[in-house]
């Protein structure tokens, strides 16, 4: 039996790092296709549908993961660091009949999250945009 140092063991066998894939708390499986990343199969399928609509000329200017600022960063008295800006990342935006459409692909469980409902509310009050849940 050969003995090795603890440092060599960690180097050879991964140092106790977890090798299992981290599961999403809602069991969504991330997908990477054509160099693009999607948070779920449902989001990827919606992308395929929208791409087909764009090819047929039904929609224009399809974009993925579009960032919207909901509130600027602020420095709060007594805090060491400034609080970052509040942002919302829409899964998809596109133009339909000249009108901007913002979509977010959600499961039944994630539609109920307070963080999403708050961002949807802020999108309407700050930007005047209704987020469509798919």
N, C-alpha and C. Protein backbone atom coordinates (compact mmCIF):
# COMPACT_ATOMS: atom_id res chain seq x y z
N UNK A 1 0.83 -1.18 0.00
CA UNK A 1 0.00 0.00 0.00
C UNK A 1 0.87 1.23 0.00
N UNK A 2 0.62 2.16 -0.90
CA UNK A 2 1.40 3.37 -1.03
C UNK A 2 0.68 4.49 -0.30
N UNK A 3 1.42 5.24 0.48
CA UNK A 3 0.79 6.38 1.16
C UNK A 3 1.10 7.65 0.37
N UNK A 4 0.11 8.54 0.30
CA UNK A 4 0.30 9.83 -0.35
C UNK A 4 -0.14 10.91 0.63
N UNK A 5 0.37 12.11 0.38
CA UNK A 5 0.01 13.22 1.26
C UNK A 5 -1.44 13.62 1.01
N UNK A 6 -2.01 14.32 1.97
CA UNK A 6 -3.39 14.80 1.84
C UNK A 6 -3.52 15.74 0.65
N UNK A 7 -2.53 16.60 0.43
CA UNK A 7 -2.55 17.53 -0.70
C UNK A 7 -2.56 16.77 -2.03
N UNK A 8 -1.76 15.71 -2.13
CA UNK A 8 -1.73 14.92 -3.36
C UNK A 8 -3.05 14.18 -3.56
N UNK A 9 -3.64 13.68 -2.47
CA UNK A 9 -4.93 13.00 -2.54
C UNK A 9 -5.99 13.95 -3.10
N UNK A 10 -6.02 15.18 -2.56
CA UNK A 10 -7.00 16.16 -3.03
C UNK A 10 -6.79 16.50 -4.50
N UNK A 11 -5.54 16.63 -4.89
CA UNK A 11 -5.24 16.95 -6.29
C UNK A 11 -5.69 15.82 -7.21
N UNK A 12 -5.44 14.58 -6.79
CA UNK A 12 -5.76 13.42 -7.61
C UNK A 12 -7.25 13.10 -7.63
N UNK A 13 -7.94 13.26 -6.51
CA UNK A 13 -9.33 12.84 -6.40
C UNK A 13 -10.32 14.00 -6.26
N UNK A 14 -9.90 15.19 -6.56
CA UNK A 14 -10.84 16.31 -6.61
C UNK A 14 -11.05 17.06 -5.32
N UNK A 15 -10.30 16.77 -4.30
CA UNK A 15 -10.35 17.57 -3.08
C UNK A 15 -11.69 17.59 -2.38
N UNK A 16 -12.45 16.52 -2.52
CA UNK A 16 -13.73 16.46 -1.82
C UNK A 16 -14.81 17.30 -2.47
N UNK A 17 -14.55 17.83 -3.65
CA UNK A 17 -15.57 18.63 -4.34
C UNK A 17 -16.71 17.74 -4.77
N UNK A 18 -17.88 18.29 -4.76
CA UNK A 18 -19.05 17.54 -5.21
C UNK A 18 -18.99 17.42 -6.73
N UNK A 19 -19.16 16.21 -7.21
CA UNK A 19 -19.12 16.01 -8.65
C UNK A 19 -20.52 15.85 -9.25
N UNK A 20 -21.52 15.69 -8.39
CA UNK A 20 -22.89 15.54 -8.89
C UNK A 20 -23.38 16.87 -9.44
N UNK A 21 -24.26 16.79 -10.42
CA UNK A 21 -24.84 17.98 -11.01
C UNK A 21 -25.81 18.59 -10.00
N UNK A 22 -25.71 19.89 -9.79
CA UNK A 22 -26.60 20.57 -8.86
C UNK A 22 -27.98 20.67 -9.50
N UNK A 23 -28.98 20.24 -8.76
CA UNK A 23 -30.35 20.26 -9.27
C UNK A 23 -30.98 21.62 -9.02
N UNK A 24 -31.78 22.04 -9.97
CA UNK A 24 -32.58 23.24 -9.82
C UNK A 24 -33.69 22.93 -8.82
N UNK A 25 -34.03 23.90 -7.98
CA UNK A 25 -35.04 23.62 -6.95
C UNK A 25 -36.41 23.32 -7.54
N UNK A 26 -36.64 23.65 -8.80
CA UNK A 26 -37.91 23.33 -9.46
C UNK A 26 -37.73 22.21 -10.49
N UNK A 27 -36.59 21.51 -10.42
CA UNK A 27 -36.25 20.37 -11.29
C UNK A 27 -36.13 20.73 -12.76
N UNK A 28 -35.92 21.98 -13.08
CA UNK A 28 -35.69 22.38 -14.47
C UNK A 28 -34.28 21.95 -14.88
N UNK A 29 -34.15 21.51 -16.11
CA UNK A 29 -32.86 21.07 -16.63
C UNK A 29 -32.37 22.12 -17.62
N UNK A 30 -31.18 22.67 -17.36
CA UNK A 30 -30.62 23.68 -18.27
C UNK A 30 -30.19 23.00 -19.56
N UNK A 31 -30.33 23.74 -20.66
CA UNK A 31 -30.01 23.21 -21.98
C UNK A 31 -29.11 24.20 -22.70
N UNK A 32 -28.13 23.67 -23.44
CA UNK A 32 -27.30 24.52 -24.29
C UNK A 32 -27.41 24.01 -25.72
N UNK A 33 -27.89 24.86 -26.61
CA UNK A 33 -28.06 24.51 -28.02
C UNK A 33 -27.53 25.65 -28.88
N UNK A 34 -26.75 25.32 -29.87
CA UNK A 34 -26.21 26.30 -30.82
C UNK A 34 -25.53 27.46 -30.11
N UNK A 35 -24.83 27.17 -29.01
CA UNK A 35 -24.12 28.21 -28.26
C UNK A 35 -25.00 29.07 -27.39
N UNK A 36 -26.29 28.74 -27.30
CA UNK A 36 -27.21 29.50 -26.47
C UNK A 36 -27.60 28.65 -25.26
N UNK A 37 -27.83 29.31 -24.12
CA UNK A 37 -28.21 28.60 -22.90
C UNK A 37 -29.65 28.93 -22.54
N UNK A 38 -30.38 27.90 -22.15
CA UNK A 38 -31.77 28.03 -21.75
C UNK A 38 -31.94 27.42 -20.37
N UNK A 39 -32.76 28.04 -19.53
CA UNK A 39 -32.95 27.58 -18.16
C UNK A 39 -33.82 26.34 -18.05
N UNK A 40 -34.56 26.00 -19.11
CA UNK A 40 -35.43 24.82 -19.05
C UNK A 40 -35.77 24.35 -20.46
N UNK A 41 -36.30 23.13 -20.53
CA UNK A 41 -36.78 22.58 -21.80
C UNK A 41 -37.91 23.44 -22.33
N UNK A 42 -38.78 23.89 -21.43
CA UNK A 42 -39.93 24.70 -21.81
C UNK A 42 -39.47 26.01 -22.47
N UNK A 43 -38.43 26.63 -21.91
CA UNK A 43 -37.90 27.87 -22.48
C UNK A 43 -37.30 27.60 -23.86
N UNK A 44 -36.58 26.50 -24.01
CA UNK A 44 -35.99 26.15 -25.30
C UNK A 44 -37.08 25.91 -26.35
N UNK A 45 -38.15 25.20 -25.98
CA UNK A 45 -39.24 24.94 -26.92
C UNK A 45 -39.91 26.25 -27.35
N UNK A 46 -40.04 27.19 -26.40
CA UNK A 46 -40.64 28.48 -26.76
C UNK A 46 -39.73 29.23 -27.73
N UNK A 47 -38.42 29.13 -27.54
CA UNK A 47 -37.46 29.77 -28.45
C UNK A 47 -37.63 29.22 -29.87
N UNK A 48 -37.80 27.91 -29.99
CA UNK A 48 -37.99 27.27 -31.30
C UNK A 48 -39.27 27.81 -31.94
N UNK A 49 -40.36 27.91 -31.15
CA UNK A 49 -41.63 28.44 -31.67
C UNK A 49 -41.47 29.88 -32.17
N UNK A 50 -40.80 30.71 -31.36
CA UNK A 50 -40.62 32.12 -31.74
C UNK A 50 -39.73 32.27 -32.96
N UNK A 51 -38.70 31.43 -33.05
CA UNK A 51 -37.81 31.46 -34.22
C UNK A 51 -38.60 31.12 -35.49
N UNK A 52 -39.48 30.14 -35.40
CA UNK A 52 -40.32 29.78 -36.55
C UNK A 52 -41.25 30.93 -36.92
N UNK A 53 -41.83 31.59 -35.92
CA UNK A 53 -42.70 32.74 -36.20
C UNK A 53 -41.93 33.86 -36.87
N UNK A 54 -40.68 34.06 -36.45
CA UNK A 54 -39.87 35.11 -37.06
C UNK A 54 -39.54 34.75 -38.51
N UNK A 55 -39.24 33.50 -38.77
CA UNK A 55 -38.94 33.07 -40.14
C UNK A 55 -40.16 33.22 -41.06
N UNK A 56 -41.36 33.05 -40.50
CA UNK A 56 -42.58 33.24 -41.28
C UNK A 56 -42.97 34.71 -41.40
N UNK A 57 -42.24 35.61 -40.74
CA UNK A 57 -42.52 37.03 -40.81
C UNK A 57 -43.63 37.50 -39.88
N UNK A 58 -44.05 36.63 -38.95
CA UNK A 58 -45.12 36.99 -38.02
C UNK A 58 -44.64 37.92 -36.91
N UNK A 59 -43.36 37.79 -36.54
CA UNK A 59 -42.75 38.67 -35.53
C UNK A 59 -41.39 39.13 -36.05
N UNK A 60 -40.84 40.19 -35.44
CA UNK A 60 -39.53 40.70 -35.83
C UNK A 60 -38.68 40.93 -34.58
N UNK A 61 -37.37 41.03 -34.82
CA UNK A 61 -36.40 41.47 -33.81
C UNK A 61 -36.44 40.62 -32.54
N UNK A 62 -36.43 39.30 -32.68
CA UNK A 62 -36.44 38.40 -31.52
C UNK A 62 -35.11 38.51 -30.78
N UNK A 63 -35.18 38.73 -29.46
CA UNK A 63 -33.99 38.80 -28.61
C UNK A 63 -34.21 37.93 -27.38
N UNK A 64 -33.11 37.38 -26.86
CA UNK A 64 -33.16 36.53 -25.66
C UNK A 64 -32.43 37.21 -24.51
N UNK A 65 -32.91 36.98 -23.30
CA UNK A 65 -32.29 37.46 -22.07
C UNK A 65 -32.00 38.97 -22.12
N UNK A 66 -33.05 39.74 -22.33
CA UNK A 66 -32.94 41.19 -22.42
C UNK A 66 -33.03 41.80 -21.02
N UNK A 67 -32.08 42.68 -20.73
CA UNK A 67 -32.00 43.28 -19.40
C UNK A 67 -32.79 44.59 -19.34
N UNK A 68 -33.60 44.71 -18.28
CA UNK A 68 -34.34 45.94 -18.00
C UNK A 68 -33.94 46.39 -16.60
N UNK A 69 -33.63 47.69 -16.45
CA UNK A 69 -33.33 48.22 -15.12
C UNK A 69 -34.63 48.71 -14.50
N UNK A 70 -34.88 48.21 -13.29
CA UNK A 70 -36.11 48.57 -12.59
C UNK A 70 -35.89 49.66 -11.56
N UNK A 71 -34.68 49.74 -11.01
CA UNK A 71 -34.32 50.79 -10.05
C UNK A 71 -32.80 50.93 -10.07
N UNK A 72 -32.28 52.16 -10.04
CA UNK A 72 -30.83 52.34 -10.09
C UNK A 72 -30.18 51.92 -8.77
N UNK A 73 -28.85 51.75 -8.80
CA UNK A 73 -28.15 51.42 -7.57
C UNK A 73 -28.24 52.61 -6.62
N UNK A 74 -28.20 52.32 -5.33
CA UNK A 74 -28.31 53.38 -4.32
C UNK A 74 -27.32 53.13 -3.19
N UNK A 75 -26.91 54.21 -2.57
CA UNK A 75 -26.06 54.13 -1.38
C UNK A 75 -26.95 54.50 -0.20
N UNK A 76 -27.14 53.54 0.69
CA UNK A 76 -28.00 53.75 1.85
C UNK A 76 -27.14 54.16 3.04
N UNK A 77 -27.56 55.19 3.75
CA UNK A 77 -26.81 55.69 4.91
C UNK A 77 -26.59 54.56 5.90
N UNK A 78 -25.37 54.47 6.39
CA UNK A 78 -25.02 53.45 7.37
C UNK A 78 -24.59 52.13 6.78
N UNK A 79 -24.73 51.95 5.49
CA UNK A 79 -24.33 50.71 4.81
C UNK A 79 -22.93 50.90 4.24
N UNK A 80 -22.12 49.84 4.28
CA UNK A 80 -20.75 49.92 3.75
C UNK A 80 -20.73 50.09 2.23
N UNK A 81 -21.57 49.33 1.57
CA UNK A 81 -21.55 49.32 0.10
C UNK A 81 -22.89 49.77 -0.46
N UNK A 82 -22.81 50.25 -1.69
CA UNK A 82 -24.04 50.64 -2.39
C UNK A 82 -24.82 49.38 -2.74
N UNK A 83 -26.13 49.50 -2.74
CA UNK A 83 -26.99 48.40 -3.16
C UNK A 83 -27.03 48.41 -4.69
N UNK A 84 -26.90 47.24 -5.32
CA UNK A 84 -26.89 47.21 -6.79
C UNK A 84 -28.25 47.57 -7.37
N UNK A 85 -28.24 47.93 -8.63
CA UNK A 85 -29.49 48.23 -9.34
C UNK A 85 -30.36 46.98 -9.35
N UNK A 86 -31.68 47.18 -9.34
CA UNK A 86 -32.61 46.07 -9.49
C UNK A 86 -32.84 45.87 -10.98
N UNK A 87 -32.64 44.64 -11.42
CA UNK A 87 -32.77 44.34 -12.84
C UNK A 87 -33.72 43.17 -13.06
N UNK A 88 -34.33 43.18 -14.21
CA UNK A 88 -35.17 42.06 -14.64
C UNK A 88 -34.65 41.61 -15.99
N UNK A 89 -34.44 40.32 -16.14
CA UNK A 89 -34.00 39.75 -17.40
C UNK A 89 -35.18 39.00 -18.03
N UNK A 90 -35.70 39.53 -19.11
CA UNK A 90 -36.81 38.89 -19.82
C UNK A 90 -36.26 37.72 -20.63
N UNK A 91 -36.99 36.62 -20.65
CA UNK A 91 -36.55 35.49 -21.47
C UNK A 91 -36.52 35.86 -22.94
N UNK A 92 -37.59 36.53 -23.42
CA UNK A 92 -37.67 36.90 -24.83
C UNK A 92 -38.34 38.26 -24.98
N UNK A 93 -37.87 39.01 -25.97
CA UNK A 93 -38.57 40.21 -26.42
C UNK A 93 -38.62 40.14 -27.94
N UNK A 94 -39.68 40.70 -28.50
CA UNK A 94 -39.81 40.76 -29.95
C UNK A 94 -40.86 41.80 -30.31
N UNK A 95 -40.92 42.13 -31.56
CA UNK A 95 -41.93 43.06 -32.05
C UNK A 95 -43.02 42.29 -32.77
N UNK A 96 -44.26 42.60 -32.44
CA UNK A 96 -45.41 42.02 -33.11
C UNK A 96 -46.33 43.17 -33.50
N UNK A 97 -46.51 43.36 -34.80
CA UNK A 97 -47.29 44.49 -35.33
C UNK A 97 -46.76 45.82 -34.79
N UNK A 98 -45.44 45.94 -34.70
CA UNK A 98 -44.81 47.17 -34.24
C UNK A 98 -44.84 47.39 -32.74
N UNK A 99 -45.39 46.45 -31.99
CA UNK A 99 -45.52 46.58 -30.54
C UNK A 99 -44.52 45.66 -29.85
N UNK A 100 -43.82 46.18 -28.81
CA UNK A 100 -42.85 45.38 -28.06
C UNK A 100 -43.58 44.38 -27.17
N UNK A 101 -43.19 43.12 -27.30
CA UNK A 101 -43.73 42.04 -26.48
C UNK A 101 -42.60 41.52 -25.60
N UNK A 102 -42.88 41.36 -24.31
CA UNK A 102 -41.91 40.82 -23.36
C UNK A 102 -42.50 39.55 -22.78
N UNK A 103 -41.75 38.43 -22.91
CA UNK A 103 -42.24 37.14 -22.43
C UNK A 103 -41.28 36.55 -21.41
N UNK A 104 -41.87 35.83 -20.47
CA UNK A 104 -41.10 35.07 -19.49
C UNK A 104 -41.72 33.69 -19.38
N UNK A 105 -40.91 32.66 -19.58
CA UNK A 105 -41.38 31.29 -19.50
C UNK A 105 -41.33 30.86 -18.04
N UNK A 106 -42.48 30.50 -17.49
CA UNK A 106 -42.58 30.15 -16.08
C UNK A 106 -43.35 28.85 -15.90
N UNK A 107 -42.96 28.10 -14.89
CA UNK A 107 -43.75 26.94 -14.48
C UNK A 107 -44.83 27.44 -13.53
N UNK A 108 -45.75 26.57 -13.19
CA UNK A 108 -46.82 26.94 -12.26
C UNK A 108 -46.21 27.39 -10.93
N UNK A 109 -45.18 26.70 -10.47
CA UNK A 109 -44.56 27.04 -9.18
C UNK A 109 -43.84 28.38 -9.22
N UNK A 110 -43.10 28.66 -10.28
CA UNK A 110 -42.31 29.90 -10.32
C UNK A 110 -43.16 31.13 -10.59
N UNK A 111 -44.36 30.95 -11.15
CA UNK A 111 -45.25 32.10 -11.36
C UNK A 111 -45.68 32.71 -10.04
N UNK A 112 -45.69 31.90 -8.99
CA UNK A 112 -46.17 32.33 -7.68
C UNK A 112 -45.09 33.00 -6.83
N UNK A 113 -43.85 32.96 -7.26
CA UNK A 113 -42.77 33.54 -6.46
C UNK A 113 -42.93 35.04 -6.31
N UNK A 114 -42.75 35.52 -5.09
CA UNK A 114 -42.90 36.95 -4.81
C UNK A 114 -41.90 37.78 -5.62
N UNK A 115 -40.69 37.28 -5.78
CA UNK A 115 -39.68 38.04 -6.51
C UNK A 115 -40.11 38.27 -7.95
N UNK A 116 -40.69 37.25 -8.60
CA UNK A 116 -41.16 37.43 -9.97
C UNK A 116 -42.35 38.37 -10.02
N UNK A 117 -43.30 38.20 -9.12
CA UNK A 117 -44.49 39.06 -9.11
C UNK A 117 -44.09 40.52 -8.89
N UNK A 118 -43.10 40.77 -8.02
CA UNK A 118 -42.63 42.14 -7.78
C UNK A 118 -41.97 42.72 -9.03
N UNK A 119 -41.16 41.93 -9.71
CA UNK A 119 -40.49 42.43 -10.91
C UNK A 119 -41.50 42.68 -12.04
N UNK A 120 -42.51 41.83 -12.12
CA UNK A 120 -43.56 42.03 -13.11
C UNK A 120 -44.31 43.34 -12.82
N UNK A 121 -44.58 43.59 -11.55
CA UNK A 121 -45.23 44.82 -11.13
C UNK A 121 -44.37 46.04 -11.48
N UNK A 122 -43.07 45.95 -11.20
CA UNK A 122 -42.16 47.06 -11.50
C UNK A 122 -42.01 47.28 -13.01
N UNK A 123 -42.02 46.21 -13.78
CA UNK A 123 -41.95 46.37 -15.24
C UNK A 123 -43.12 47.21 -15.74
N UNK A 124 -44.30 46.99 -15.19
CA UNK A 124 -45.48 47.75 -15.60
C UNK A 124 -45.40 49.19 -15.10
N UNK A 125 -45.02 49.38 -13.83
CA UNK A 125 -45.01 50.74 -13.27
C UNK A 125 -43.84 51.58 -13.77
N UNK A 126 -42.69 50.99 -13.99
CA UNK A 126 -41.51 51.75 -14.42
C UNK A 126 -41.45 51.92 -15.94
N UNK A 127 -41.70 50.83 -16.66
CA UNK A 127 -41.55 50.85 -18.12
C UNK A 127 -42.87 50.81 -18.88
N UNK A 128 -43.99 50.59 -18.17
CA UNK A 128 -45.28 50.51 -18.84
C UNK A 128 -45.44 49.26 -19.68
N UNK A 129 -44.72 48.21 -19.32
CA UNK A 129 -44.71 46.97 -20.11
C UNK A 129 -45.35 45.85 -19.30
N UNK A 130 -46.32 45.17 -19.92
CA UNK A 130 -46.90 43.97 -19.33
C UNK A 130 -46.04 42.77 -19.72
N UNK A 131 -45.60 41.99 -18.73
CA UNK A 131 -44.83 40.78 -19.00
C UNK A 131 -45.82 39.65 -19.21
N UNK A 132 -45.68 38.97 -20.32
CA UNK A 132 -46.55 37.83 -20.65
C UNK A 132 -45.89 36.56 -20.14
N UNK A 133 -46.62 35.82 -19.33
CA UNK A 133 -46.12 34.54 -18.81
C UNK A 133 -46.51 33.43 -19.74
N UNK A 134 -45.53 32.61 -20.10
CA UNK A 134 -45.77 31.48 -21.00
C UNK A 134 -45.65 30.19 -20.20
